C-alpha atoms as a PDB file:
ATOM      1  CA  MET A   1     -23.809  14.727  12.330  1.00  0.00           C
ATOM      2  CA  ASP A   2     -22.681  16.352   9.051  1.00  0.00           C
ATOM      3  CA  GLU A   3     -20.164  14.742   6.718  1.00  0.00           C
ATOM      4  CA  ILE A   4     -17.207  16.916   7.731  1.00  0.00           C
ATOM      5  CA  SER A   5     -17.788  16.386  11.460  1.00  0.00           C
ATOM      6  CA  SER A   6     -18.138  12.666  10.800  1.00  0.00           C
ATOM      7  CA  SER A   7     -14.896  12.622   8.803  1.00  0.00           C
ATOM      8  CA  LEU A   8     -13.060  14.509  11.547  1.00  0.00           C
ATOM      9  CA  LEU A   9     -14.337  12.089  14.169  1.00  0.00           C
ATOM     10  CA  ASN A  10     -13.402   9.021  12.130  1.00  0.00           C
ATOM     11  CA  TYR A  11      -9.969  10.421  11.347  1.00  0.00           C
ATOM     12  CA  TYR A  12      -9.446  11.117  15.067  1.00  0.00           C
ATOM     13  CA  ARG A  13     -10.492   7.569  15.947  1.00  0.00           C
ATOM     14  CA  TYR A  14      -8.871   5.538  13.194  1.00  0.00           C
ATOM     15  CA  GLY A  15      -6.227   7.728  11.558  1.00  0.00           C
ATOM     16  CA  ASP A  16      -7.317   6.575   8.106  1.00  0.00           C
ATOM     17  CA  ARG A  17      -6.253   9.183   5.556  1.00  0.00           C
ATOM     18  CA  LYS A  18      -9.382   8.662   3.485  1.00  0.00           C
ATOM     19  CA  TYR A  19     -11.292  10.595   6.160  1.00  0.00           C
ATOM     20  CA  PHE A  20      -8.767  13.424   6.151  1.00  0.00           C
ATOM     21  CA  GLU A  21      -8.982  13.581   2.359  1.00  0.00           C
ATOM     22  CA  LYS A  22     -12.665  14.555   2.604  1.00  0.00           C
ATOM     23  CA  VAL A  23     -11.765  17.393   4.961  1.00  0.00           C
ATOM     24  CA  TYR A  24      -8.951  18.464   2.642  1.00  0.00           C
ATOM     25  CA  LEU A  25     -11.158  18.520  -0.453  1.00  0.00           C
ATOM     26  CA  PHE A  26     -13.769  20.598   1.350  1.00  0.00           C
ATOM     27  CA  TYR A  27     -11.459  23.226   2.844  1.00  0.00           C
ATOM     28  CA  MET A  28      -8.647  23.508   0.303  1.00  0.00           C
ATOM     29  CA  PRO A  29     -10.571  25.700  -2.207  1.00  0.00           C
ATOM     30  CA  LYS A  30     -11.528  28.041   0.633  1.00  0.00           C
ATOM     31  CA  MET A  31      -7.908  28.321   1.743  1.00  0.00           C
ATOM     32  CA  LEU A  32      -6.779  29.045  -1.819  1.00  0.00           C
ATOM     33  CA  ASN A  33      -9.372  31.814  -2.122  1.00  0.00           C
ATOM     34  CA  PHE A  34      -8.315  33.239   1.220  1.00  0.00           C
ATOM     35  CA  PHE A  35      -4.629  33.444   0.305  1.00  0.00           C
ATOM     36  CA  TYR A  36      -5.214  34.619  -3.240  1.00  0.00           C
ATOM     37  CA  PHE A  37      -7.371  37.427  -1.908  1.00  0.00           C
ATOM     38  CA  ARG A  38      -4.350  38.781  -0.027  1.00  0.00           C
ATOM     39  CA  THR A  39      -1.442  37.858  -2.313  1.00  0.00           C
ATOM     40  CA  PHE A  40      -3.005  37.878  -5.827  1.00  0.00           C
ATOM     41  CA  ASP A  41      -0.466  35.216  -6.723  1.00  0.00           C
ATOM     42  CA  LYS A  42      -1.632  31.711  -7.597  1.00  0.00           C
ATOM     43  CA  HIS A  43       1.648  29.981  -6.789  1.00  0.00           C
ATOM     44  CA  ILE A  44       2.135  31.758  -3.467  1.00  0.00           C
ATOM     45  CA  SER A  45      -1.471  30.978  -2.562  1.00  0.00           C
ATOM     46  CA  GLU A  46      -0.939  27.308  -3.333  1.00  0.00           C
ATOM     47  CA  ASP A  47       2.266  27.232  -1.272  1.00  0.00           C
ATOM     48  CA  LEU A  48       0.651  28.915   1.731  1.00  0.00           C
ATOM     49  CA  ALA A  49      -2.434  26.715   1.557  1.00  0.00           C
ATOM     50  CA  SER A  50      -0.228  23.630   1.373  1.00  0.00           C
ATOM     51  CA  GLU A  51       1.707  24.763   4.438  1.00  0.00           C
ATOM     52  CA  VAL A  52      -1.553  25.212   6.314  1.00  0.00           C
ATOM     53  CA  PHE A  53      -2.658  21.703   5.474  1.00  0.00           C
ATOM     54  CA  ILE A  54       0.658  20.220   6.517  1.00  0.00           C
ATOM     55  CA  LYS A  55       0.066  21.779   9.936  1.00  0.00           C
ATOM     56  CA  VAL A  56      -3.548  20.662   9.902  1.00  0.00           C
ATOM     57  CA  PHE A  57      -2.568  17.114   8.945  1.00  0.00           C
ATOM     58  CA  LEU A  58       0.038  16.916  11.705  1.00  0.00           C
ATOM     59  CA  ASN A  59      -2.210  18.329  14.423  1.00  0.00           C
ATOM     60  CA  THR A  60      -5.782  17.297  13.637  1.00  0.00           C
ATOM     61  CA  ARG A  61      -5.588  13.974  15.486  1.00  0.00           C
ATOM     62  CA  LYS A  62      -4.233  15.677  18.600  1.00  0.00           C
ATOM     63  CA  ASN A  63      -7.636  17.221  19.253  1.00  0.00           C
ATOM     64  CA  LEU A  64     -11.186  15.957  18.968  1.00  0.00           C
ATOM     65  CA  PHE A  65     -12.721  18.541  16.662  1.00  0.00           C
ATOM     66  CA  ASN A  66     -16.293  19.029  15.632  1.00  0.00           C
ATOM     67  CA  ASN A  67     -17.179  21.121  12.594  1.00  0.00           C
ATOM     68  CA  LYS A  68     -17.560  24.301  14.643  1.00  0.00           C
ATOM     69  CA  SER A  69     -14.236  24.084  16.469  1.00  0.00           C
ATOM     70  CA  PHE A  70     -12.431  22.966  13.302  1.00  0.00           C
ATOM     71  CA  ASN A  71     -13.773  25.918  11.298  1.00  0.00           C
ATOM     72  CA  SER A  72     -12.399  28.358  13.847  1.00  0.00           C
ATOM     73  CA  TRP A  73      -9.102  26.524  14.196  1.00  0.00           C
ATOM     74  CA  ILE A  74      -8.304  26.169  10.498  1.00  0.00           C
ATOM     75  CA  PHE A  75      -9.254  29.794   9.803  1.00  0.00           C
ATOM     76  CA  LYS A  76      -6.988  30.955  12.630  1.00  0.00           C
ATOM     77  CA  THR A  77      -4.199  28.704  11.322  1.00  0.00           C
ATOM     78  CA  ALA A  78      -4.564  30.211   7.847  1.00  0.00           C
ATOM     79  CA  THR A  79      -4.590  33.737   9.266  1.00  0.00           C
ATOM     80  CA  ASN A  80      -1.425  33.101  11.259  1.00  0.00           C
ATOM     81  CA  GLN A  81       0.218  31.625   8.155  1.00  0.00           C
ATOM     82  CA  LEU A  82      -0.663  34.758   6.214  1.00  0.00           C
ATOM     83  CA  ILE A  83       0.666  37.021   8.959  1.00  0.00           C
ATOM     84  CA  ASP A  84       3.964  35.104   9.067  1.00  0.00           C
ATOM     85  CA  TYR A  85       4.277  35.375   5.290  1.00  0.00           C
ATOM     86  CA  LEU A  86       3.570  39.113   5.205  1.00  0.00           C
ATOM     87  CA  ARG A  87       5.963  39.754   8.062  1.00  0.00           C
ATOM     88  CA  LYS A  88       8.653  37.925   6.125  1.00  0.00           C
ATOM     89  CA  ILE A  89       7.889  39.915   2.979  1.00  0.00           C
ATOM     90  CA  LYS A  90       7.867  43.155   4.929  1.00  0.00           C
ATOM     91  CA  LYS A  91      11.383  42.464   6.163  1.00  0.00           C
ATOM     92  CA  GLU A  92      12.543  41.801   2.620  1.00  0.00           C
ATOM     93  CA  THR A  93      10.977  44.807   0.922  1.00  0.00           C
ATOM     94  CA  GLU A  94      10.442  48.505   1.451  1.00  0.00           C
ATOM     95  CA  ASN A  95       6.926  48.434  -0.032  1.00  0.00           C
ATOM     96  CA  THR A  96       4.697  50.639   2.049  1.00  0.00           C
ATOM     97  CA  PHE A  97       1.392  48.917   1.330  1.00  0.00           C
ATOM     98  CA  LEU A  98       2.105  46.172   3.856  1.00  0.00           C
ATOM     99  CA  MET A  99       0.580  47.123   7.179  1.00  0.00           C
ATOM    100  CA  ASP A 100       1.919  46.498  10.669  1.00  0.00           C
ATOM    101  CA  TRP A 101       0.409  43.235  11.815  1.00  0.00           C
ATOM    102  CA  GLN A 102      -0.758  42.566  15.349  1.00  0.00           C
ATOM    103  CA  ASP A 103      -0.188  39.251  17.086  1.00  0.00           C
ATOM    104  CA  GLU A 104      -3.872  38.846  17.825  1.00  0.00           C
ATOM    105  CA  ILE A 105      -6.573  39.316  15.203  1.00  0.00           C
ATOM    106  CA  ASP A 106      -9.691  41.203  16.285  1.00  0.00           C
ATOM    107  CA  PHE A 107     -12.315  40.351  13.675  1.00  0.00           C
ATOM    108  CA  GLU A 108     -14.560  43.160  14.912  1.00  0.00           C
ATOM    109  CA  ASN A 109     -12.052  45.834  13.943  1.00  0.00           C
ATOM    110  CA  TYR A 110      -9.411  44.234  11.732  1.00  0.00           C
ATOM    111  CA  ASN A 111      -9.933  44.604   8.007  1.00  0.00           C
ATOM    112  CA  LEU A 112      -8.826  41.704   5.783  1.00  0.00           C
ATOM    113  CA  TRP A 113      -9.917  43.633   2.729  1.00  0.00           C
ATOM    114  CA  ASP A 114      -9.180  44.831  -0.753  1.00  0.00           C
ATOM    115  CA  SER A 115     -12.392  45.878  -2.439  1.00  0.00           C
ATOM    116  CA  ASN A 116     -10.713  46.125  -5.855  1.00  0.00           C
ATOM    117  CA  TYR A 117     -10.441  42.344  -5.766  1.00  0.00           C
ATOM    118  CA  LEU A 118     -14.221  42.081  -5.608  1.00  0.00           C
ATOM    119  CA  VAL A 119     -14.602  44.447  -8.535  1.00  0.00           C
ATOM    120  CA  ARG A 120     -12.284  42.298 -10.615  1.00  0.00           C
ATOM    121  CA  ASN A 121     -13.986  39.125  -9.431  1.00  0.00           C
ATOM    122  CA  SER A 122     -17.566  40.240  -9.013  1.00  0.00           C
ATOM    123  CA  ILE A 123     -18.878  36.742  -9.769  1.00  0.00           C
ATOM    124  CA  PHE A 124     -18.473  36.140  -6.032  1.00  0.00           C
ATOM    125  CA  LEU A 125     -21.104  38.778  -5.370  1.00  0.00           C
ATOM    126  CA  LYS A 126     -23.594  38.030  -8.110  1.00  0.00           C
ATOM    127  CA  LYS A 127     -25.560  35.424  -6.184  1.00  0.00           C
ATOM    128  CA  GLU A 128     -26.552  37.843  -3.426  1.00  0.00           C
ATOM    129  CA  LEU A 129     -26.151  41.251  -5.049  1.00  0.00           C
ATOM    130  CA  THR A 130     -27.318  40.320  -8.551  1.00  0.00           C
ATOM    131  CA  PHE A 131     -25.385  43.112 -10.226  1.00  0.00           C
ATOM    132  CA  GLU A 132     -22.004  44.282 -11.452  1.00  0.00           C
ATOM    133  CA  ASN A 133     -21.062  47.921 -11.103  1.00  0.00           C
ATOM    134  CA  LYS A 134     -17.837  49.877 -11.536  1.00  0.00           C
ATOM    135  CA  ASN A 135     -18.698  51.844  -8.360  1.00  0.00           C
ATOM    136  CA  LEU A 136     -18.810  48.695  -6.246  1.00  0.00           C
ATOM    137  CA  ALA A 137     -15.428  49.346  -4.639  1.00  0.00           C
ATOM    138  CA  ASP A 138     -16.458  52.760  -3.332  1.00  0.00           C
ATOM    139  CA  SER A 139     -19.689  51.397  -1.879  1.00  0.00           C
ATOM    140  CA  LEU A 140     -17.829  48.589  -0.104  1.00  0.00           C
ATOM    141  CA  GLU A 141     -15.469  51.052   1.533  1.00  0.00           C
ATOM    142  CA  ASN A 142     -18.406  52.549   3.444  1.00  0.00           C
ATOM    143  CA  LEU A 143     -19.143  49.283   5.234  1.00  0.00           C
ATOM    144  CA  THR A 144     -17.946  48.603   8.759  1.00  0.00           C
ATOM    145  CA  ASN A 145     -14.920  46.324   9.089  1.00  0.00           C
ATOM    146  CA  LEU A 146     -17.116  43.584  10.515  1.00  0.00           C
ATOM    147  CA  GLN A 147     -19.463  43.837   7.515  1.00  0.00           C
ATOM    148  CA  LYS A 148     -16.501  43.776   5.135  1.00  0.00           C
ATOM    149  CA  ASN A 149     -15.035  40.689   6.774  1.00  0.00           C
ATOM    150  CA  VAL A 150     -18.345  38.852   6.682  1.00  0.00           C
ATOM    151  CA  ILE A 151     -18.780  39.704   2.988  1.00  0.00           C
ATOM    152  CA  LEU A 152     -15.194  38.541   2.402  1.00  0.00           C
ATOM    153  CA  MET A 153     -15.778  35.189   4.096  1.00  0.00           C
ATOM    154  CA  MET A 154     -19.064  34.627   2.303  1.00  0.00           C
ATOM    155  CA  PHE A 155     -18.181  35.658  -1.247  1.00  0.00           C
ATOM    156  CA  VAL A 156     -14.410  35.212  -1.441  1.00  0.00           C
ATOM    157  CA  MET A 157     -13.787  32.296   0.896  1.00  0.00           C
ATOM    158  CA  ASP A 158     -17.140  30.696   0.086  1.00  0.00           C
ATOM    159  CA  PHE A 159     -18.041  30.212   3.750  1.00  0.00           C
ATOM    160  CA  ASP A 160     -21.688  29.568   4.490  1.00  0.00           C
ATOM    161  CA  TYR A 161     -23.588  31.236   7.335  1.00  0.00           C
ATOM    162  CA  LYS A 162     -22.776  28.459   9.786  1.00  0.00           C
ATOM    163  CA  MET A 163     -19.041  28.593   9.109  1.00  0.00           C
ATOM    164  CA  ILE A 164     -18.979  32.374   9.490  1.00  0.00           C
ATOM    165  CA  SER A 165     -20.898  32.145  12.746  1.00  0.00           C
ATOM    166  CA  ASP A 166     -18.385  29.570  14.012  1.00  0.00           C
ATOM    167  CA  VAL A 167     -15.407  31.790  13.156  1.00  0.00           C
ATOM    168  CA  LEU A 168     -16.889  34.969  14.625  1.00  0.00           C
ATOM    169  CA  GLY A 169     -18.599  33.333  17.593  1.00  0.00           C
ATOM    170  CA  LYS A 170     -21.908  34.861  16.566  1.00  0.00           C
ATOM    171  CA  SER A 171     -25.267  33.234  15.878  1.00  0.00           C
ATOM    172  CA  GLN A 172     -26.276  32.501  12.301  1.00  0.00           C
ATOM    173  CA  SER A 173     -29.193  34.912  12.629  1.00  0.00           C
ATOM    174  CA  THR A 174     -26.734  37.641  13.647  1.00  0.00           C
ATOM    175  CA  VAL A 175     -24.518  36.848  10.653  1.00  0.00           C
ATOM    176  CA  ARG A 176     -27.534  36.940   8.342  1.00  0.00           C
ATOM    177  CA  GLY A 177     -28.418  40.333   9.774  1.00  0.00           C
ATOM    178  CA  ILE A 178     -24.891  41.603   9.127  1.00  0.00           C
ATOM    179  CA  VAL A 179     -25.019  40.361   5.517  1.00  0.00           C
ATOM    180  CA  PHE A 180     -28.496  41.837   5.024  1.00  0.00           C
ATOM    181  CA  ARG A 181     -27.438  45.265   6.297  1.00  0.00           C
ATOM    182  CA  ALA A 182     -24.210  45.186   4.303  1.00  0.00           C
ATOM    183  CA  ILE A 183     -25.983  44.312   1.052  1.00  0.00           C
ATOM    184  CA  ASN A 184     -28.619  46.995   1.626  1.00  0.00           C
ATOM    185  CA  ALA A 185     -25.897  49.544   2.350  1.00  0.00           C
ATOM    186  CA  ILE A 186     -24.126  48.605  -0.883  1.00  0.00           C
ATOM    187  CA  LYS A 187     -27.320  48.806  -2.922  1.00  0.00           C
ATOM    188  CA  ASN A 188     -28.281  52.159  -1.368  1.00  0.00           C
ATOM    189  CA  GLU A 189     -24.839  53.551  -2.102  1.00  0.00           C
ATOM    190  CA  LEU A 190     -24.988  52.407  -5.699  1.00  0.00           C
ATOM    191  CA  ASN A 191     -28.502  53.797  -6.114  1.00  0.00           C
ATOM    192  CA  ASN A 192     -27.282  57.148  -4.758  1.00  0.00           C
ATOM    193  CA  ASP A 193     -24.471  57.081  -7.306  1.00  0.00           C
ATOM    194  CA  LYS A 194     -26.989  56.466 -10.088  1.00  0.00           C
ATOM    195  CA  ARG A 195     -29.154  59.370  -8.946  1.00  0.00           C
ATOM    196  CA  GLY A 196     -26.082  61.555  -8.740  1.00  0.00           C
ATOM    197  CA  ASP A 197     -25.104  60.658 -12.290  1.00  0.00           C
ATOM    198  CA  LYS A 198     -28.603  61.574 -13.536  1.00  0.00           C
ATOM    199  CA  THR A 199     -28.431  64.904 -11.722  1.00  0.00           C
ATOM    200  CA  LYS A 200     -25.154  65.715 -13.446  1.00  0.00           C
ATOM    201  CA  CYS A 201     -26.782  65.036 -16.787  1.00  0.00           C
END
C-alpha cells in the first residue's frame, strides 16, 4: 500500500489530522497548478484550491477511499469548483472568452487547455520534450483534446501515469501511448516548421 492510500485509510479509521496533512501536502501543489492554469491569478488559485480542500476535509471520512478512487474524486471536485467559479464570473462580466460550461465533463472531448500557458511555462515540458520553441503553441493545437488533456495533467498538474490513468479510467500503458503519440506529433510538427523556415531562406 502506498503512502497516500495508507494515509487515507488511517484518516478514515482514526480521524487524526496528521494523516490528512500528508494528503494535503501531496495534492495541494497539483490543485494550485490546475487552478492557475485556468485563471492565471495566484490569489484566485489559492482561494479555489483552499475551497476544494475544505470540501475534501469535510467529506473524506465519509467514504473509504483508496488512491485510485481519491484521485478521481479530488480531480472531479476541483473541476466542479472551477466550473462554479467560471459560471459566477460569466454572470458578472461580458467577456466573450469564457465558454459555455456543461454540467458533465467528458474528458475525451472537453478541452481544459490554453497552449500559450505552456509556452510561457515550458519548464513543465522540458523533462519529456527536452526543448523550448516559440512554435510550441501551434504544434499543441494540432493534438486531439484527449492528448491535450493528458499533456496538461502530466506537465501542468504534475500527475504521474498512474494518477492520469485513475482519472481517465484508462490503463497506464494506454496513457503512456497517448503521451508518446502526443510528444511525437509535437516534435514532428516542430521539425516541419524548421524545414519550412529553411525552405523560405
